[in-house]
């Protein structure tokens, strides 16, 4: 356990000091960060530091604040942070006379006892005090206990277990005054298995619900290594006929989206079954706003709620029948006119899954490599466009624009003063992945002139970038 000082010699706290402390925790591979302070002013480097810690596998917990309001409070309002409110010993929200009281609102996640807490005081000895600052370490401590039982748990898995095992208070389910409820240590520890748990989303009929424990029908491993990729792995021990099996994708921040431009949902997955004559069909995508805690069923177009995928008919891409689909990259346009209810949310959750509708045992396995949403903006030029020549071949390579992962690229060569397209290429991997093309059967000793542009999903193209190379002479 480490106590990191984030103030100057006069006890004044600056956000940059807190950021430095968080970065120190990341560098030194700490597991849990407990922050019992807050401010109502948003600061993007502060949010970035918390997100960086979360991405590094650190559970970040912070006090919701003591102003008895739903005013902004940071860092607890950042999506990567567990926001903790305070309870009295009778499981009521701490709300004494006067202006003090446990904060509430859309970002509140969990509650813990924080009223009349015995604690140490400066100068020695003990005192009793109250507030969300004293509830926060209880949640951080539970996270540490869970990790002591299973060090492979991710921050998302820990959050999911805490939510599902919390004692529900206030209105049924999540509410803005009590979040998901009061943490319960015994139940949370009992839910921690010996293998990593993930938070699957399931549907039966018109009922949607969350579960923190694996079942024979839904087993989830986050951070699974397969075929050289780190994936979310979803599989069955018992084939679950005529049911969808949903898994959470990443949380997506849409606060910078105004709701005007269309969006692109892009993801890469692989599906396998235990029956060589089957074909994995009916991929379904659903969207959930964690901030408003509401599902949305789209009716026009229905593809947003039911994004069906059938063999041999999937957005013009080749679908592979049989045991293994291979890696499939899907691009889906989200129309602003239908999707703008999510504009400004920081907590858009994407759920995805397949339908097991075959009359035999599938024992389905699903792998999600990546999933993201980005605004349909005009792409910048591709980066690092280069050409390297041999005697009869020229190898070309480049990276995606920085402002968008392009949907495709047009590569052209100049022939007798006319630009002729020689390739239309799809991206591979992330923005930092190189795309390559080998131009073959060329004449030795000749200079070839190329140009390249990037396109988004609605085929808006970047400006061209140019490169040339001269093949080597035979002698």
Protein backbone atom coordinates (compact mmCIF):
# COMPACT_ATOMS: atom_id res chain seq x y z
CA UNK A 1 0.00 0.00 0.00
CA UNK A 2 1.33 3.45 -0.97
CA UNK A 3 0.23 6.94 0.09
CA UNK A 4 1.03 9.37 -2.72
CA UNK A 5 1.23 13.05 -1.85
CA UNK A 6 -0.57 15.28 -4.36
CA UNK A 7 -0.25 18.67 -2.65
CA UNK A 8 2.41 21.27 -2.06
CA UNK A 9 4.05 22.02 1.32
CA UNK A 10 1.07 24.20 2.26
CA UNK A 11 -1.43 21.42 1.59
CA UNK A 12 -2.77 22.98 -1.61
CA UNK A 13 -3.78 20.39 -4.22
CA UNK A 14 -3.27 21.02 -7.93
CA UNK A 15 -4.60 18.75 -10.67
CA UNK A 16 -1.13 18.38 -12.15
CA UNK A 17 0.10 16.92 -8.87
CA UNK A 18 -2.73 14.37 -8.95
CA UNK A 19 -1.91 13.49 -12.57
CA UNK A 20 1.73 12.96 -11.60
CA UNK A 21 0.65 10.65 -8.78
CA UNK A 22 -1.59 8.66 -11.15
CA UNK A 23 1.25 8.34 -13.66
CA UNK A 24 3.53 7.13 -10.86
CA UNK A 25 0.95 4.48 -9.99
CA UNK A 26 0.85 3.35 -13.63
CA UNK A 27 4.63 3.22 -13.91
CA UNK A 28 4.93 1.22 -10.71
CA UNK A 29 2.21 -1.29 -11.64
CA UNK A 30 -0.20 -0.56 -8.82
CA UNK A 31 -3.58 -2.32 -8.85
CA UNK A 32 -6.03 0.14 -7.24
CA UNK A 33 -6.11 3.94 -6.92
CA UNK A 34 -8.31 5.57 -4.25
CA UNK A 35 -8.92 9.32 -4.64
CA UNK A 36 -10.75 11.12 -1.84
CA UNK A 37 -10.96 14.59 -3.34
CA UNK A 38 -12.78 16.36 -6.14
CA UNK A 39 -13.36 19.50 -8.15
CA UNK A 40 -16.23 20.82 -10.27
CA UNK A 41 -13.92 21.90 -13.13
CA UNK A 42 -13.32 19.51 -16.01
CA UNK A 43 -9.69 19.08 -17.11
CA UNK A 44 -8.97 16.82 -20.10
CA UNK A 45 -5.41 15.80 -19.05
CA UNK A 46 -6.91 14.65 -15.75
CA UNK A 47 -9.48 12.49 -17.53
CA UNK A 48 -6.78 11.15 -19.84
CA UNK A 49 -4.64 10.13 -16.86
CA UNK A 50 -7.56 8.25 -15.27
CA UNK A 51 -8.37 6.54 -18.56
CA UNK A 52 -4.70 5.64 -19.03
CA UNK A 53 -4.70 4.03 -15.57
CA UNK A 54 -7.92 2.13 -16.37
CA UNK A 55 -6.46 0.92 -19.67
CA UNK A 56 -3.36 -0.23 -17.76
CA UNK A 57 -5.56 -2.48 -15.63
CA UNK A 58 -5.84 -0.25 -12.57
CA UNK A 59 -9.14 0.13 -10.72
CA UNK A 60 -9.70 3.85 -10.11
CA UNK A 61 -12.11 4.82 -7.31
CA UNK A 62 -13.06 8.38 -6.32
CA UNK A 63 -15.38 10.24 -3.95
CA UNK A 64 -18.61 11.54 -5.46
CA UNK A 65 -18.43 14.77 -3.43
CA UNK A 66 -20.21 16.26 -0.43
CA UNK A 67 -22.25 19.19 -1.74
CA UNK A 68 -25.59 17.32 -1.67
CA UNK A 69 -26.10 18.05 -5.37
CA UNK A 70 -25.75 16.60 -8.86
CA UNK A 71 -23.16 19.23 -9.81
CA UNK A 72 -20.14 17.98 -11.78
CA UNK A 73 -17.40 16.45 -9.68
CA UNK A 74 -14.08 15.23 -11.01
CA UNK A 75 -12.46 12.75 -11.17
CA UNK A 76 -15.48 10.74 -9.97
CA UNK A 77 -17.54 11.78 -13.03
CA UNK A 78 -15.00 10.40 -15.51
CA UNK A 79 -16.26 7.18 -17.12
CA UNK A 80 -13.09 5.28 -16.18
CA UNK A 81 -13.64 6.00 -12.47
CA UNK A 82 -15.96 4.33 -9.95
CA UNK A 83 -17.95 7.14 -8.31
CA UNK A 84 -18.68 6.41 -4.64
CA UNK A 85 -21.40 7.94 -2.45
CA UNK A 86 -21.72 7.80 1.35
CA UNK A 87 -24.29 5.98 3.48
CA UNK A 88 -25.31 6.17 7.10
CA UNK A 89 -25.30 3.04 9.25
CA UNK A 90 -29.02 2.63 8.47
CA UNK A 91 -28.35 2.45 4.71
CA UNK A 92 -29.69 5.93 4.00
CA UNK A 93 -27.81 8.41 1.85
CA UNK A 94 -25.64 10.57 4.10
CA UNK A 95 -27.48 13.89 4.11
CA UNK A 96 -27.12 15.81 7.40
CA UNK A 97 -28.64 19.20 8.14
CA UNK A 98 -27.04 22.07 6.25
CA UNK A 99 -25.39 22.12 2.85
CA UNK A 100 -23.41 18.89 3.25
CA UNK A 101 -24.52 15.58 1.84
CA UNK A 102 -23.48 12.78 -0.48
CA UNK A 103 -23.64 13.88 -4.13
CA UNK A 104 -25.98 12.15 -6.54
CA UNK A 105 -26.57 12.10 -10.29
CA UNK A 106 -26.03 10.11 -13.47
CA UNK A 107 -22.42 9.21 -12.72
CA UNK A 108 -22.98 7.77 -9.24
CA UNK A 109 -22.06 4.09 -9.28
CA UNK A 110 -21.76 2.57 -5.80
CA UNK A 111 -22.35 3.38 -2.12
CA UNK A 112 -20.43 2.52 1.05
CA UNK A 113 -20.64 3.52 4.70
CA UNK A 114 -19.29 7.02 5.15
CA UNK A 115 -21.02 8.49 8.20
CA UNK A 116 -19.34 8.87 11.61
CA UNK A 117 -16.29 6.92 10.52
CA UNK A 118 -13.46 6.47 12.99
CA UNK A 119 -10.20 7.57 11.44
CA UNK A 120 -6.77 8.92 12.29
CA UNK A 121 -6.17 12.64 12.65
CA UNK A 122 -3.21 14.95 12.18
CA UNK A 123 -1.06 15.18 15.26
CA UNK A 124 -1.95 11.65 16.35
CA UNK A 125 -4.95 9.89 17.80
CA UNK A 126 -8.36 9.25 16.30
CA UNK A 127 -11.47 11.18 15.42
CA UNK A 128 -14.92 10.59 13.88
CA UNK A 129 -15.90 12.21 10.62
CA UNK A 130 -18.22 11.76 7.62
CA UNK A 131 -18.30 12.14 3.86
CA UNK A 132 -17.76 10.38 0.56
CA UNK A 133 -14.00 10.58 1.12
CA UNK A 134 -14.41 7.97 3.85
CA UNK A 135 -16.70 5.73 1.82
CA UNK A 136 -14.30 5.61 -1.12
CA UNK A 137 -11.52 3.56 0.56
CA UNK A 138 -14.05 0.85 1.39
CA UNK A 139 -14.75 0.32 -2.32
CA UNK A 140 -11.03 0.48 -3.12
CA UNK A 141 -10.40 -2.08 -0.40
CA UNK A 142 -13.01 -4.43 -1.81
CA UNK A 143 -11.35 -4.15 -5.23
CA UNK A 144 -8.02 -5.09 -3.64
CA UNK A 145 -9.60 -8.10 -1.90
CA UNK A 146 -11.11 -9.29 -5.17
CA UNK A 147 -7.73 -8.99 -6.89
CA UNK A 148 -6.09 -10.94 -4.08
CA UNK A 149 -8.41 -13.84 -4.93
CA UNK A 150 -8.09 -13.48 -8.69
CA UNK A 151 -5.26 -11.22 -9.91
CA UNK A 152 -6.46 -11.63 -13.52
CA UNK A 153 -9.62 -9.59 -13.01
CA UNK A 154 -9.85 -6.47 -15.17
CA UNK A 155 -11.22 -3.14 -13.89
CA UNK A 156 -14.37 -3.71 -15.96
CA UNK A 157 -14.90 -7.13 -14.44
CA UNK A 158 -14.45 -5.78 -10.92
CA UNK A 159 -16.96 -2.99 -11.57
CA UNK A 160 -19.44 -5.49 -12.96
CA UNK A 161 -19.17 -7.82 -9.98
CA UNK A 162 -19.52 -4.96 -7.49
CA UNK A 163 -22.64 -3.69 -9.25
CA UNK A 164 -24.33 -7.05 -9.51
CA UNK A 165 -23.62 -8.04 -5.91
CA UNK A 166 -24.50 -4.62 -4.43
CA UNK A 167 -27.42 -4.31 -2.02
CA UNK A 168 -30.11 -2.49 -3.98
CA UNK A 169 -31.23 0.71 -2.23
CA UNK A 170 -33.69 3.43 -3.20
CA UNK A 171 -35.63 2.76 -6.39
CA UNK A 172 -35.36 -0.72 -7.86
CA UNK A 173 -32.23 -1.10 -9.96
CA UNK A 174 -29.87 1.77 -10.59
CA UNK A 175 -31.04 5.21 -9.42
CA UNK A 176 -29.31 8.55 -9.18
CA UNK A 177 -29.31 8.71 -5.36
CA UNK A 178 -27.86 5.26 -4.60
CA UNK A 179 -26.33 4.12 -7.89
CA UNK A 180 -26.32 0.34 -8.03
CA UNK A 181 -26.46 0.18 -4.23
CA UNK A 182 -24.17 -0.57 -1.28
CA UNK A 183 -21.17 -2.82 -1.83
CA UNK A 184 -21.42 -6.21 -0.16
CA UNK A 185 -18.03 -7.76 0.45
CA UNK A 186 -19.10 -11.41 1.04
CA UNK A 187 -21.26 -11.55 -2.08
CA UNK A 188 -18.63 -9.87 -4.24
CA UNK A 189 -15.91 -12.23 -3.05
CA UNK A 190 -18.16 -15.22 -3.64
CA UNK A 191 -18.71 -14.08 -7.22
CA UNK A 192 -14.98 -13.92 -7.92
CA UNK A 193 -14.10 -17.16 -9.69
CA UNK A 194 -10.74 -18.64 -10.47
CA UNK A 195 -11.05 -17.59 -14.12
CA UNK A 196 -11.61 -14.05 -15.38
CA UNK A 197 -15.25 -12.97 -15.41
CA UNK A 198 -16.66 -10.54 -17.90
CA UNK A 199 -20.01 -8.78 -17.82
CA UNK A 200 -22.24 -10.40 -20.46
CA UNK A 201 -25.51 -8.91 -21.59
CA UNK A 202 -28.31 -11.40 -22.17
CA UNK A 203 -31.78 -11.25 -23.63
CA UNK A 204 -34.71 -13.57 -23.18
CA UNK A 205 -37.82 -12.48 -25.03
CA UNK A 206 -38.26 -8.80 -24.22
CA UNK A 207 -36.34 -9.00 -20.93
CA UNK A 208 -32.78 -7.68 -20.77
CA UNK A 209 -30.55 -8.34 -17.82
CA UNK A 210 -26.94 -8.46 -16.67
CA UNK A 211 -25.11 -11.34 -15.08
CA UNK A 212 -21.69 -11.39 -13.44
CA UNK A 213 -21.22 -15.12 -13.36
CA UNK A 214 -20.43 -17.48 -16.18
CA UNK A 215 -23.05 -20.06 -17.09
CA UNK A 216 -22.75 -23.13 -19.25
CA UNK A 217 -24.33 -21.09 -22.04
CA UNK A 218 -22.25 -17.94 -21.70
CA UNK A 219 -18.59 -18.03 -20.76
CA UNK A 220 -16.53 -14.90 -21.22
CA UNK A 221 -12.76 -14.39 -21.08
CA UNK A 222 -11.48 -10.85 -21.50
CA UNK A 223 -7.96 -10.34 -22.85
CA UNK A 224 -7.84 -13.80 -24.44
CA UNK A 225 -4.92 -14.43 -26.81
CA UNK A 226 -5.94 -16.07 -30.09
CA UNK A 227 -4.36 -16.14 -33.53
CA UNK A 228 -1.87 -13.44 -32.52
CA UNK A 229 -4.61 -11.07 -31.31
CA UNK A 230 -5.87 -10.05 -27.88
CA UNK A 231 -9.62 -10.60 -27.95
CA UNK A 232 -12.78 -10.82 -25.92
CA UNK A 233 -13.53 -14.55 -26.10
CA UNK A 234 -17.11 -15.82 -25.75
CA UNK A 235 -17.98 -19.52 -25.82
CA UNK A 236 -20.46 -22.22 -24.82
CA UNK A 237 -20.07 -25.47 -22.92
CA UNK A 238 -23.70 -26.29 -23.74
CA UNK A 239 -25.11 -25.35 -27.14
CA UNK A 240 -27.85 -22.78 -26.57
CA UNK A 241 -30.31 -23.18 -29.42
CA UNK A 242 -32.59 -20.36 -30.52
CA UNK A 243 -31.05 -17.77 -28.20
CA UNK A 244 -28.84 -14.75 -28.63
CA UNK A 245 -25.61 -14.60 -26.70
CA UNK A 246 -24.59 -11.00 -26.12
CA UNK A 247 -21.29 -9.64 -24.88
CA UNK A 248 -20.36 -6.08 -23.94
CA UNK A 249 -18.11 -4.21 -26.30
CA UNK A 250 -16.00 -1.26 -25.17
CA UNK A 251 -17.46 1.92 -23.64
CA UNK A 252 -17.47 4.72 -26.22
CA UNK A 253 -17.33 8.44 -25.45
CA UNK A 254 -19.51 10.58 -27.76
CA UNK A 255 -19.22 13.89 -25.92
CA UNK A 256 -17.46 15.52 -28.86
CA UNK A 257 -20.17 14.43 -31.30
CA UNK A 258 -22.83 17.07 -31.93
CA UNK A 259 -25.27 14.65 -33.53
CA UNK A 260 -24.96 16.30 -36.96
CA UNK A 261 -22.60 14.04 -38.92
CA UNK A 262 -23.18 10.34 -39.45
CA UNK A 263 -21.08 7.85 -37.50
CA UNK A 264 -19.33 4.65 -38.42
CA UNK A 265 -19.38 1.55 -36.21
CA UNK A 266 -16.48 -0.68 -37.10
CA UNK A 267 -15.46 -3.98 -35.55
CA UNK A 268 -13.52 -7.14 -36.26
CA UNK A 269 -14.66 -10.54 -35.05
CA UNK A 270 -14.33 -14.23 -35.74
CA UNK A 271 -16.98 -16.91 -35.18
CA UNK A 272 -16.52 -20.67 -35.00
CA UNK A 273 -18.90 -23.54 -34.39
CA UNK A 274 -18.51 -27.16 -33.40
CA UNK A 275 -20.40 -28.40 -36.44
CA UNK A 276 -18.68 -28.33 -39.81
CA UNK A 277 -21.93 -28.07 -41.78
CA UNK A 278 -23.24 -24.99 -39.99
CA UNK A 279 -22.83 -21.30 -40.65
CA UNK A 280 -22.85 -18.65 -37.95
CA UNK A 281 -25.69 -16.28 -38.77
CA UNK A 282 -27.62 -13.29 -37.51
CA UNK A 283 -25.04 -11.10 -35.86
CA UNK A 284 -26.90 -8.56 -33.74
CA UNK A 285 -25.76 -5.21 -32.41
CA UNK A 286 -27.48 -3.27 -29.61
CA UNK A 287 -26.69 0.08 -28.05
CA UNK A 288 -27.08 1.09 -24.41
CA UNK A 289 -26.51 4.51 -22.82
CA UNK A 290 -25.08 3.88 -19.35
CA UNK A 291 -25.53 7.53 -18.39
CA UNK A 292 -29.30 7.57 -18.94
CA UNK A 293 -29.67 3.87 -18.14
CA UNK A 294 -32.08 3.32 -20.98
CA UNK A 295 -32.23 0.94 -23.91
CA UNK A 296 -33.36 2.20 -27.25
CA UNK A 297 -35.20 0.08 -29.78
CA UNK A 298 -34.85 1.43 -33.30
CA UNK A 299 -37.75 1.02 -35.69
CA UNK A 300 -36.48 2.84 -38.77
CA UNK A 301 -34.19 1.48 -39.94
CA UNK A 302 -34.55 -1.69 -37.88
CA UNK A 303 -30.93 -2.64 -38.56
CA UNK A 304 -29.84 -0.55 -35.57
CA UNK A 305 -31.70 -2.80 -33.18
CA UNK A 306 -31.50 -6.00 -35.21
CA UNK A 307 -28.32 -5.98 -37.23
CA UNK A 308 -28.73 -9.26 -39.00
CA UNK A 309 -25.92 -11.14 -40.67
CA UNK A 310 -26.66 -14.10 -42.92
CA UNK A 311 -24.25 -16.32 -44.80
CA UNK A 312 -23.40 -15.12 -48.31
CA UNK A 313 -25.26 -11.83 -47.76
CA UNK A 314 -23.39 -9.49 -45.44
CA UNK A 315 -22.90 -5.98 -46.75
CA UNK A 316 -21.39 -7.30 -49.95
CA UNK A 317 -18.55 -9.03 -48.13
CA UNK A 318 -17.74 -12.70 -48.56
CA UNK A 319 -19.20 -14.86 -45.82
CA UNK A 320 -17.58 -18.21 -45.10
CA UNK A 321 -19.92 -21.13 -44.49
CA UNK A 322 -18.86 -23.83 -42.11
CA UNK A 323 -16.77 -24.30 -39.03
CA UNK A 324 -14.78 -21.07 -39.10
CA UNK A 325 -15.81 -17.66 -40.46
CA UNK A 326 -12.28 -16.32 -40.41
CA UNK A 327 -11.66 -12.75 -39.29
CA UNK A 328 -14.51 -10.52 -40.45
CA UNK A 329 -14.28 -6.71 -40.49
CA UNK A 330 -17.71 -5.03 -40.47
CA UNK A 331 -18.40 -1.36 -41.15
CA UNK A 332 -21.86 -0.03 -40.34
CA UNK A 333 -23.08 3.51 -40.91
CA UNK A 334 -25.11 5.04 -38.08
CA UNK A 335 -27.36 7.79 -39.44
CA UNK A 336 -27.34 10.94 -37.33
CA UNK A 337 -31.08 11.30 -37.88
CA UNK A 338 -31.63 8.00 -36.05
CA UNK A 339 -28.68 7.95 -33.68
CA UNK A 340 -28.51 11.53 -32.36
CA UNK A 341 -30.21 10.67 -29.06
CA UNK A 342 -26.75 9.44 -28.01
CA UNK A 343 -25.02 12.75 -28.86
CA UNK A 344 -23.04 13.99 -25.88
CA UNK A 345 -23.07 10.76 -23.88
CA UNK A 346 -19.78 9.57 -22.44
CA UNK A 347 -20.99 6.03 -21.78
CA UNK A 348 -22.29 4.45 -24.97
CA UNK A 349 -22.15 0.70 -24.49
CA UNK A 350 -22.21 -1.57 -27.54
CA UNK A 351 -23.45 -5.11 -27.12
CA UNK A 352 -22.91 -7.68 -29.83
CA UNK A 353 -23.68 -11.37 -30.25
CA UNK A 354 -24.86 -14.16 -32.51
CA UNK A 355 -27.96 -16.28 -32.73
CA UNK A 356 -27.67 -20.04 -32.25
CA UNK A 357 -30.53 -21.26 -34.44
CA UNK A 358 -29.14 -24.47 -35.88
CA UNK A 359 -30.75 -27.82 -35.11
CA UNK A 360 -27.52 -29.36 -33.90
CA UNK A 361 -24.80 -28.68 -31.36
CA UNK A 362 -22.89 -25.57 -32.35
CA UNK A 363 -20.82 -24.96 -29.22
CA UNK A 364 -20.31 -21.49 -30.56
CA UNK A 365 -17.08 -19.53 -30.05
CA UNK A 366 -16.79 -15.82 -30.75
CA UNK A 367 -13.75 -13.54 -30.75
CA UNK A 368 -13.96 -9.73 -30.79
CA UNK A 369 -10.67 -8.13 -31.84
CA UNK A 370 -11.71 -4.46 -31.85
CA UNK A 371 -14.81 -2.27 -31.92
CA UNK A 372 -15.13 1.50 -32.09
CA UNK A 373 -17.33 4.32 -33.35
CA UNK A 374 -16.03 7.42 -35.06
CA UNK A 375 -17.57 10.44 -36.70
CA UNK A 376 -17.83 10.54 -40.45
CA UNK A 377 -15.50 13.40 -41.18
CA UNK A 378 -13.39 14.10 -44.25
CA UNK A 379 -10.21 12.07 -43.85
CA UNK A 380 -6.85 13.75 -43.68
CA UNK A 381 -4.15 12.51 -46.04
CA UNK A 382 -2.67 9.07 -45.36
CA UNK A 383 0.64 9.20 -43.52
CA UNK A 384 4.14 7.89 -44.23
CA UNK A 385 3.45 7.02 -47.86
CA UNK A 386 6.64 5.44 -49.21
CA UNK A 387 7.77 3.36 -52.17
CA UNK A 388 10.74 0.96 -52.33
CA UNK A 389 11.81 -0.50 -55.66
CA UNK A 390 13.39 -3.76 -56.77
CA UNK A 391 14.13 -4.77 -60.35
CA UNK A 392 10.55 -5.53 -61.37
CA UNK A 393 8.58 -4.78 -58.17
CA UNK A 394 7.76 -1.71 -56.09
CA UNK A 395 6.58 -2.11 -52.51
CA UNK A 396 4.32 0.68 -51.24
CA UNK A 397 3.27 1.27 -47.63
CA UNK A 398 1.43 3.89 -45.57
CA UNK A 399 -0.57 4.51 -42.41
CA UNK A 400 -4.10 5.75 -41.87
CA UNK A 401 -4.90 9.46 -41.45
CA UNK A 402 -4.77 10.61 -37.85
CA UNK A 403 -8.34 11.91 -37.68
CA UNK A 404 -10.09 8.71 -38.82
CA UNK A 405 -9.35 5.06 -39.55
CA UNK A 406 -10.11 5.06 -43.25
CA UNK A 407 -12.65 2.60 -44.61
CA UNK A 408 -10.65 2.08 -47.80
CA UNK A 409 -7.85 3.51 -49.94
CA UNK A 410 -7.54 4.23 -53.67
CA UNK A 411 -4.05 3.62 -55.03
CA UNK A 412 -3.38 4.91 -58.55
CA UNK A 413 -0.44 4.94 -60.97
CA UNK A 414 0.20 7.42 -63.78
CA UNK A 415 0.16 5.80 -67.20
CA UNK A 416 0.77 8.00 -70.24
CA UNK A 417 -0.42 11.07 -68.36
CA UNK A 418 -3.60 9.41 -66.99
CA UNK A 419 -4.17 8.26 -63.43
CA UNK A 420 -5.27 4.61 -63.37
CA UNK A 421 -6.47 2.88 -60.23
CA UNK A 422 -4.48 -0.27 -59.56
CA UNK A 423 -5.89 -1.19 -56.14
CA UNK A 424 -8.72 -0.54 -53.69
CA UNK A 425 -7.52 -1.63 -50.27
CA UNK A 426 -9.22 -2.02 -46.90
CA UNK A 427 -7.45 -1.10 -43.66
CA UNK A 428 -5.89 -3.70 -41.42
CA UNK A 429 -5.70 -3.21 -37.65
CA UNK A 430 -5.52 0.22 -36.04
CA UNK A 431 -4.60 3.75 -37.12
CA UNK A 432 -0.96 2.90 -36.42
CA UNK A 433 -0.92 -0.26 -38.56
CA UNK A 434 0.86 -0.14 -41.91
CA UNK A 435 -1.04 -0.98 -45.09
CA UNK A 436 1.12 -2.44 -47.86
CA UNK A 437 0.80 -3.14 -51.57
CA UNK A 438 3.23 -4.80 -53.95
CA UNK A 439 3.15 -3.52 -57.54
CA UNK A 440 4.63 -6.33 -59.66
CA UNK A 441 5.74 -7.16 -63.22
CA UNK A 442 7.27 -3.74 -63.82
CA UNK A 443 9.89 -2.69 -66.36
CA UNK A 444 13.44 -2.38 -64.96
CA UNK A 445 14.94 1.10 -64.92
CA UNK A 446 11.64 2.99 -65.21
CA UNK A 447 10.18 5.59 -62.83
CA UNK A 448 6.63 5.01 -61.63
CA UNK A 449 4.45 7.76 -60.19
CA UNK A 450 1.76 6.97 -57.60
CA UNK A 451 -0.96 8.79 -55.75
CA UNK A 452 -3.06 7.67 -52.80
CA UNK A 453 -6.20 8.86 -51.02
CA UNK A 454 -8.21 7.67 -48.00
CA UNK A 455 -12.01 7.37 -47.87
CA UNK A 456 -14.55 7.17 -45.08
CA UNK A 457 -17.68 5.03 -45.03
CA UNK A 458 -19.74 7.39 -47.20
CA UNK A 459 -16.84 7.54 -49.73
CA UNK A 460 -15.74 11.06 -48.89
CA UNK A 461 -12.09 11.14 -49.97
CA UNK A 462 -9.04 12.87 -48.62
CA UNK A 463 -6.76 14.88 -50.84
CA UNK A 464 -4.17 12.83 -52.71
CA UNK A 465 -0.65 12.25 -51.52
CA UNK A 466 2.09 11.46 -54.07
CA UNK A 467 5.15 9.21 -54.25
CA UNK A 468 7.42 7.81 -56.92
CA UNK A 469 10.10 5.16 -57.26
CA UNK A 470 12.43 3.90 -59.99
CA UNK A 471 12.90 0.20 -60.56
CA UNK A 472 16.49 -1.05 -60.62
CA UNK A 473 18.38 -1.71 -63.83
CA UNK A 474 19.30 -5.26 -64.67
CA UNK A 475 22.94 -4.24 -65.27
